[in-house]
N, C-alpha and C. Protein backbone atom coordinates (compact mmCIF):
# COMPACT_ATOMS: atom_id res chain seq x y z
N MET A 1 -1.17 7.23 8.37
CA MET A 1 -0.35 7.75 7.31
C MET A 1 1.10 7.35 7.57
N ILE A 2 1.84 7.10 6.52
CA ILE A 2 3.22 6.67 6.64
C ILE A 2 4.11 7.90 6.79
N LYS A 3 4.98 7.89 7.77
CA LYS A 3 5.92 8.99 7.98
C LYS A 3 7.04 8.90 6.96
N VAL A 4 7.50 10.04 6.45
CA VAL A 4 8.54 10.03 5.43
C VAL A 4 9.94 9.87 6.01
N ASN A 5 10.13 9.99 7.32
CA ASN A 5 11.46 9.86 7.90
C ASN A 5 11.67 8.47 8.50
N THR A 6 11.31 7.45 7.75
CA THR A 6 11.48 6.07 8.19
C THR A 6 12.39 5.34 7.21
N THR A 7 12.55 4.05 7.41
CA THR A 7 13.39 3.25 6.52
C THR A 7 12.51 2.51 5.51
N ILE A 8 13.14 2.00 4.49
CA ILE A 8 12.43 1.22 3.46
C ILE A 8 11.78 -0.01 4.10
N LYS A 9 12.47 -0.65 5.04
CA LYS A 9 11.92 -1.82 5.70
C LYS A 9 10.64 -1.49 6.45
N ALA A 10 10.62 -0.37 7.16
CA ALA A 10 9.42 0.05 7.89
C ALA A 10 8.28 0.38 6.92
N ILE A 11 8.62 0.99 5.80
CA ILE A 11 7.61 1.32 4.79
C ILE A 11 7.02 0.04 4.20
N LYS A 12 7.86 -0.94 3.90
CA LYS A 12 7.37 -2.22 3.36
C LYS A 12 6.43 -2.91 4.34
N ASP A 13 6.79 -2.88 5.62
CA ASP A 13 5.95 -3.51 6.63
C ASP A 13 4.59 -2.81 6.74
N THR A 14 4.60 -1.49 6.69
CA THR A 14 3.36 -0.72 6.78
C THR A 14 2.48 -0.96 5.56
N VAL A 15 3.07 -0.96 4.38
CA VAL A 15 2.31 -1.21 3.15
C VAL A 15 1.77 -2.63 3.15
N ALA A 16 2.54 -3.59 3.62
CA ALA A 16 2.07 -4.98 3.69
C ALA A 16 0.86 -5.09 4.61
N GLY A 17 0.82 -4.28 5.65
CA GLY A 17 -0.32 -4.29 6.56
C GLY A 17 -1.59 -3.72 5.94
N LEU A 18 -1.43 -2.95 4.86
CA LEU A 18 -2.58 -2.35 4.17
C LEU A 18 -3.05 -3.19 2.98
N ASN A 19 -2.48 -4.36 2.79
CA ASN A 19 -2.83 -5.20 1.64
C ASN A 19 -4.32 -5.53 1.63
N GLN A 20 -4.94 -5.37 0.48
CA GLN A 20 -6.37 -5.65 0.24
C GLN A 20 -7.29 -4.72 1.03
N LYS A 21 -6.82 -3.58 1.46
CA LYS A 21 -7.63 -2.63 2.21
C LYS A 21 -7.84 -1.37 1.37
N PRO A 22 -8.94 -0.67 1.60
CA PRO A 22 -9.17 0.60 0.88
C PRO A 22 -8.23 1.68 1.42
N VAL A 23 -7.60 2.40 0.50
CA VAL A 23 -6.65 3.44 0.86
C VAL A 23 -6.93 4.71 0.06
N THR A 24 -6.37 5.80 0.53
CA THR A 24 -6.38 7.05 -0.22
C THR A 24 -4.94 7.31 -0.62
N VAL A 25 -4.72 7.55 -1.91
CA VAL A 25 -3.38 7.78 -2.45
C VAL A 25 -3.28 9.25 -2.85
N LYS A 26 -2.22 9.90 -2.38
CA LYS A 26 -1.98 11.29 -2.75
C LYS A 26 -0.63 11.36 -3.44
N LEU A 27 -0.64 11.83 -4.70
CA LEU A 27 0.58 11.91 -5.50
C LEU A 27 1.03 13.35 -5.62
N ASN A 28 2.31 13.58 -5.45
CA ASN A 28 2.90 14.89 -5.66
C ASN A 28 3.50 14.89 -7.06
N LEU A 29 2.90 15.65 -7.97
CA LEU A 29 3.36 15.69 -9.36
C LEU A 29 4.37 16.80 -9.61
N GLY A 30 4.71 17.55 -8.59
CA GLY A 30 5.66 18.65 -8.74
C GLY A 30 4.97 19.95 -9.10
N ARG A 31 5.65 21.04 -8.87
CA ARG A 31 5.12 22.38 -9.16
C ARG A 31 3.75 22.61 -8.54
N ASN A 32 3.62 22.19 -7.29
CA ASN A 32 2.38 22.36 -6.52
C ASN A 32 1.16 21.69 -7.14
N LYS A 33 1.38 20.58 -7.84
CA LYS A 33 0.28 19.81 -8.42
C LYS A 33 0.16 18.50 -7.64
N PHE A 34 -1.05 18.22 -7.21
CA PHE A 34 -1.32 17.00 -6.45
C PHE A 34 -2.53 16.29 -7.06
N VAL A 35 -2.51 14.96 -7.00
CA VAL A 35 -3.64 14.14 -7.41
C VAL A 35 -3.97 13.24 -6.23
N THR A 36 -5.23 13.22 -5.84
CA THR A 36 -5.68 12.35 -4.75
C THR A 36 -6.79 11.46 -5.28
N PHE A 37 -6.70 10.16 -5.00
CA PHE A 37 -7.74 9.25 -5.45
C PHE A 37 -7.91 8.09 -4.47
N ALA A 38 -9.09 7.52 -4.48
CA ALA A 38 -9.40 6.37 -3.64
C ALA A 38 -9.05 5.09 -4.41
N ALA A 39 -8.49 4.13 -3.70
CA ALA A 39 -8.06 2.89 -4.36
C ALA A 39 -8.03 1.76 -3.35
N THR A 40 -7.73 0.57 -3.86
CA THR A 40 -7.51 -0.60 -3.02
C THR A 40 -6.10 -1.10 -3.30
N LEU A 41 -5.33 -1.29 -2.25
CA LEU A 41 -3.98 -1.79 -2.40
C LEU A 41 -4.08 -3.30 -2.65
N ASN A 42 -3.61 -3.75 -3.82
CA ASN A 42 -3.87 -5.14 -4.16
C ASN A 42 -2.66 -5.97 -4.52
N GLY A 43 -1.49 -5.40 -4.60
CA GLY A 43 -0.32 -6.21 -4.93
C GLY A 43 0.90 -5.76 -4.16
N ILE A 44 1.54 -6.68 -3.47
CA ILE A 44 2.75 -6.39 -2.72
C ILE A 44 3.88 -7.20 -3.35
N TYR A 45 4.92 -6.51 -3.81
CA TYR A 45 6.06 -7.15 -4.45
C TYR A 45 7.34 -6.67 -3.77
N PRO A 46 8.48 -7.33 -4.01
CA PRO A 46 9.71 -6.94 -3.31
C PRO A 46 10.16 -5.49 -3.54
N SER A 47 9.94 -4.94 -4.72
CA SER A 47 10.43 -3.59 -4.97
C SER A 47 9.33 -2.58 -5.27
N LEU A 48 8.08 -3.03 -5.37
CA LEU A 48 6.98 -2.10 -5.63
C LEU A 48 5.67 -2.67 -5.12
N PHE A 49 4.64 -1.82 -5.15
CA PHE A 49 3.29 -2.24 -4.79
C PHE A 49 2.33 -1.64 -5.79
N THR A 50 1.17 -2.28 -5.95
CA THR A 50 0.19 -1.79 -6.91
C THR A 50 -1.11 -1.46 -6.21
N VAL A 51 -1.82 -0.50 -6.78
CA VAL A 51 -3.14 -0.12 -6.29
C VAL A 51 -4.10 -0.16 -7.46
N SER A 52 -5.36 -0.47 -7.18
CA SER A 52 -6.36 -0.41 -8.22
C SER A 52 -7.36 0.67 -7.85
N PRO A 53 -7.41 1.75 -8.65
CA PRO A 53 -8.28 2.88 -8.35
C PRO A 53 -9.75 2.49 -8.38
N ASP A 54 -10.54 3.11 -7.50
CA ASP A 54 -11.98 2.86 -7.47
C ASP A 54 -12.66 3.47 -8.70
N ASP A 55 -12.10 4.55 -9.22
CA ASP A 55 -12.63 5.19 -10.42
C ASP A 55 -12.05 4.47 -11.64
N LYS A 56 -12.88 3.81 -12.41
CA LYS A 56 -12.41 3.02 -13.56
C LYS A 56 -11.89 3.89 -14.70
N ASN A 57 -12.17 5.19 -14.67
CA ASN A 57 -11.70 6.11 -15.71
C ASN A 57 -10.35 6.74 -15.36
N PHE A 58 -9.75 6.34 -14.24
CA PHE A 58 -8.46 6.89 -13.82
C PHE A 58 -7.38 6.41 -14.79
N LEU A 59 -6.62 7.35 -15.36
CA LEU A 59 -5.62 7.00 -16.37
C LEU A 59 -4.19 7.10 -15.84
N GLY A 60 -4.02 7.33 -14.56
CA GLY A 60 -2.68 7.51 -13.99
C GLY A 60 -1.97 6.20 -13.72
N LYS A 61 -0.77 6.35 -13.20
CA LYS A 61 0.07 5.20 -12.85
C LYS A 61 -0.49 4.51 -11.61
N THR A 62 -0.44 3.20 -11.59
CA THR A 62 -1.00 2.46 -10.46
C THR A 62 0.01 1.54 -9.79
N ALA A 63 1.28 1.63 -10.13
CA ALA A 63 2.32 0.87 -9.46
C ALA A 63 3.36 1.86 -8.95
N TYR A 64 3.75 1.70 -7.68
CA TYR A 64 4.66 2.64 -7.05
C TYR A 64 5.75 1.90 -6.31
N SER A 65 6.94 2.48 -6.26
CA SER A 65 8.03 1.88 -5.50
C SER A 65 7.99 2.41 -4.07
N TYR A 66 8.62 1.66 -3.18
CA TYR A 66 8.66 2.07 -1.78
C TYR A 66 9.49 3.34 -1.61
N SER A 67 10.46 3.55 -2.49
CA SER A 67 11.28 4.76 -2.38
C SER A 67 10.48 6.02 -2.70
N GLU A 68 9.40 5.91 -3.47
CA GLU A 68 8.56 7.07 -3.74
C GLU A 68 7.85 7.55 -2.47
N ILE A 69 7.55 6.63 -1.57
CA ILE A 69 6.98 7.01 -0.28
C ILE A 69 8.07 7.66 0.57
N LEU A 70 9.27 7.08 0.54
CA LEU A 70 10.38 7.61 1.33
C LEU A 70 10.72 9.03 0.90
N CYS A 71 10.66 9.30 -0.40
CA CYS A 71 10.98 10.63 -0.92
C CYS A 71 9.83 11.62 -0.76
N GLY A 72 8.64 11.14 -0.46
CA GLY A 72 7.50 12.03 -0.27
C GLY A 72 6.69 12.26 -1.52
N ARG A 73 6.98 11.55 -2.60
CA ARG A 73 6.22 11.71 -3.84
C ARG A 73 4.85 11.06 -3.74
N VAL A 74 4.73 10.00 -2.95
CA VAL A 74 3.47 9.27 -2.78
C VAL A 74 3.16 9.18 -1.29
N LYS A 75 1.91 9.43 -0.94
CA LYS A 75 1.46 9.25 0.44
C LYS A 75 0.24 8.35 0.42
N ILE A 76 0.21 7.40 1.34
CA ILE A 76 -0.90 6.44 1.41
C ILE A 76 -1.45 6.46 2.83
N GLU A 77 -2.76 6.49 2.93
CA GLU A 77 -3.37 6.35 4.24
C GLU A 77 -4.62 5.50 4.10
N GLU A 78 -4.87 4.71 5.13
CA GLU A 78 -6.03 3.82 5.13
C GLU A 78 -7.29 4.64 5.30
N ARG A 79 -8.34 4.24 4.58
CA ARG A 79 -9.63 4.92 4.73
C ARG A 79 -10.65 3.91 5.21
N ALA A 80 -11.71 4.41 5.78
CA ALA A 80 -12.76 3.53 6.29
C ALA A 80 -13.46 2.82 5.15
N ALA A 81 -13.75 1.56 5.32
CA ALA A 81 -14.44 0.80 4.28
C ALA A 81 -15.89 1.27 4.20
N LYS A 82 -16.44 1.20 3.00
CA LYS A 82 -17.82 1.64 2.79
C LYS A 82 -18.80 0.56 3.15
């Protein structure tokens, strides 16, 4: 899991290491609302990264900025491949 008290550079390096791997994404929607879903991290860009959810009916956002991890709005952790 990525620690929230790191720098953007460290977050980018950690996310780059998870490229094309299965991950679990936990979103903080505010007011004690959380969404957790399984996905594959599939796009690494200079200011954001994208995930593709395993559930094809997922209607949420699938692109996140590195600052969302820094602020604690998004948490990503690697999960074991099936």
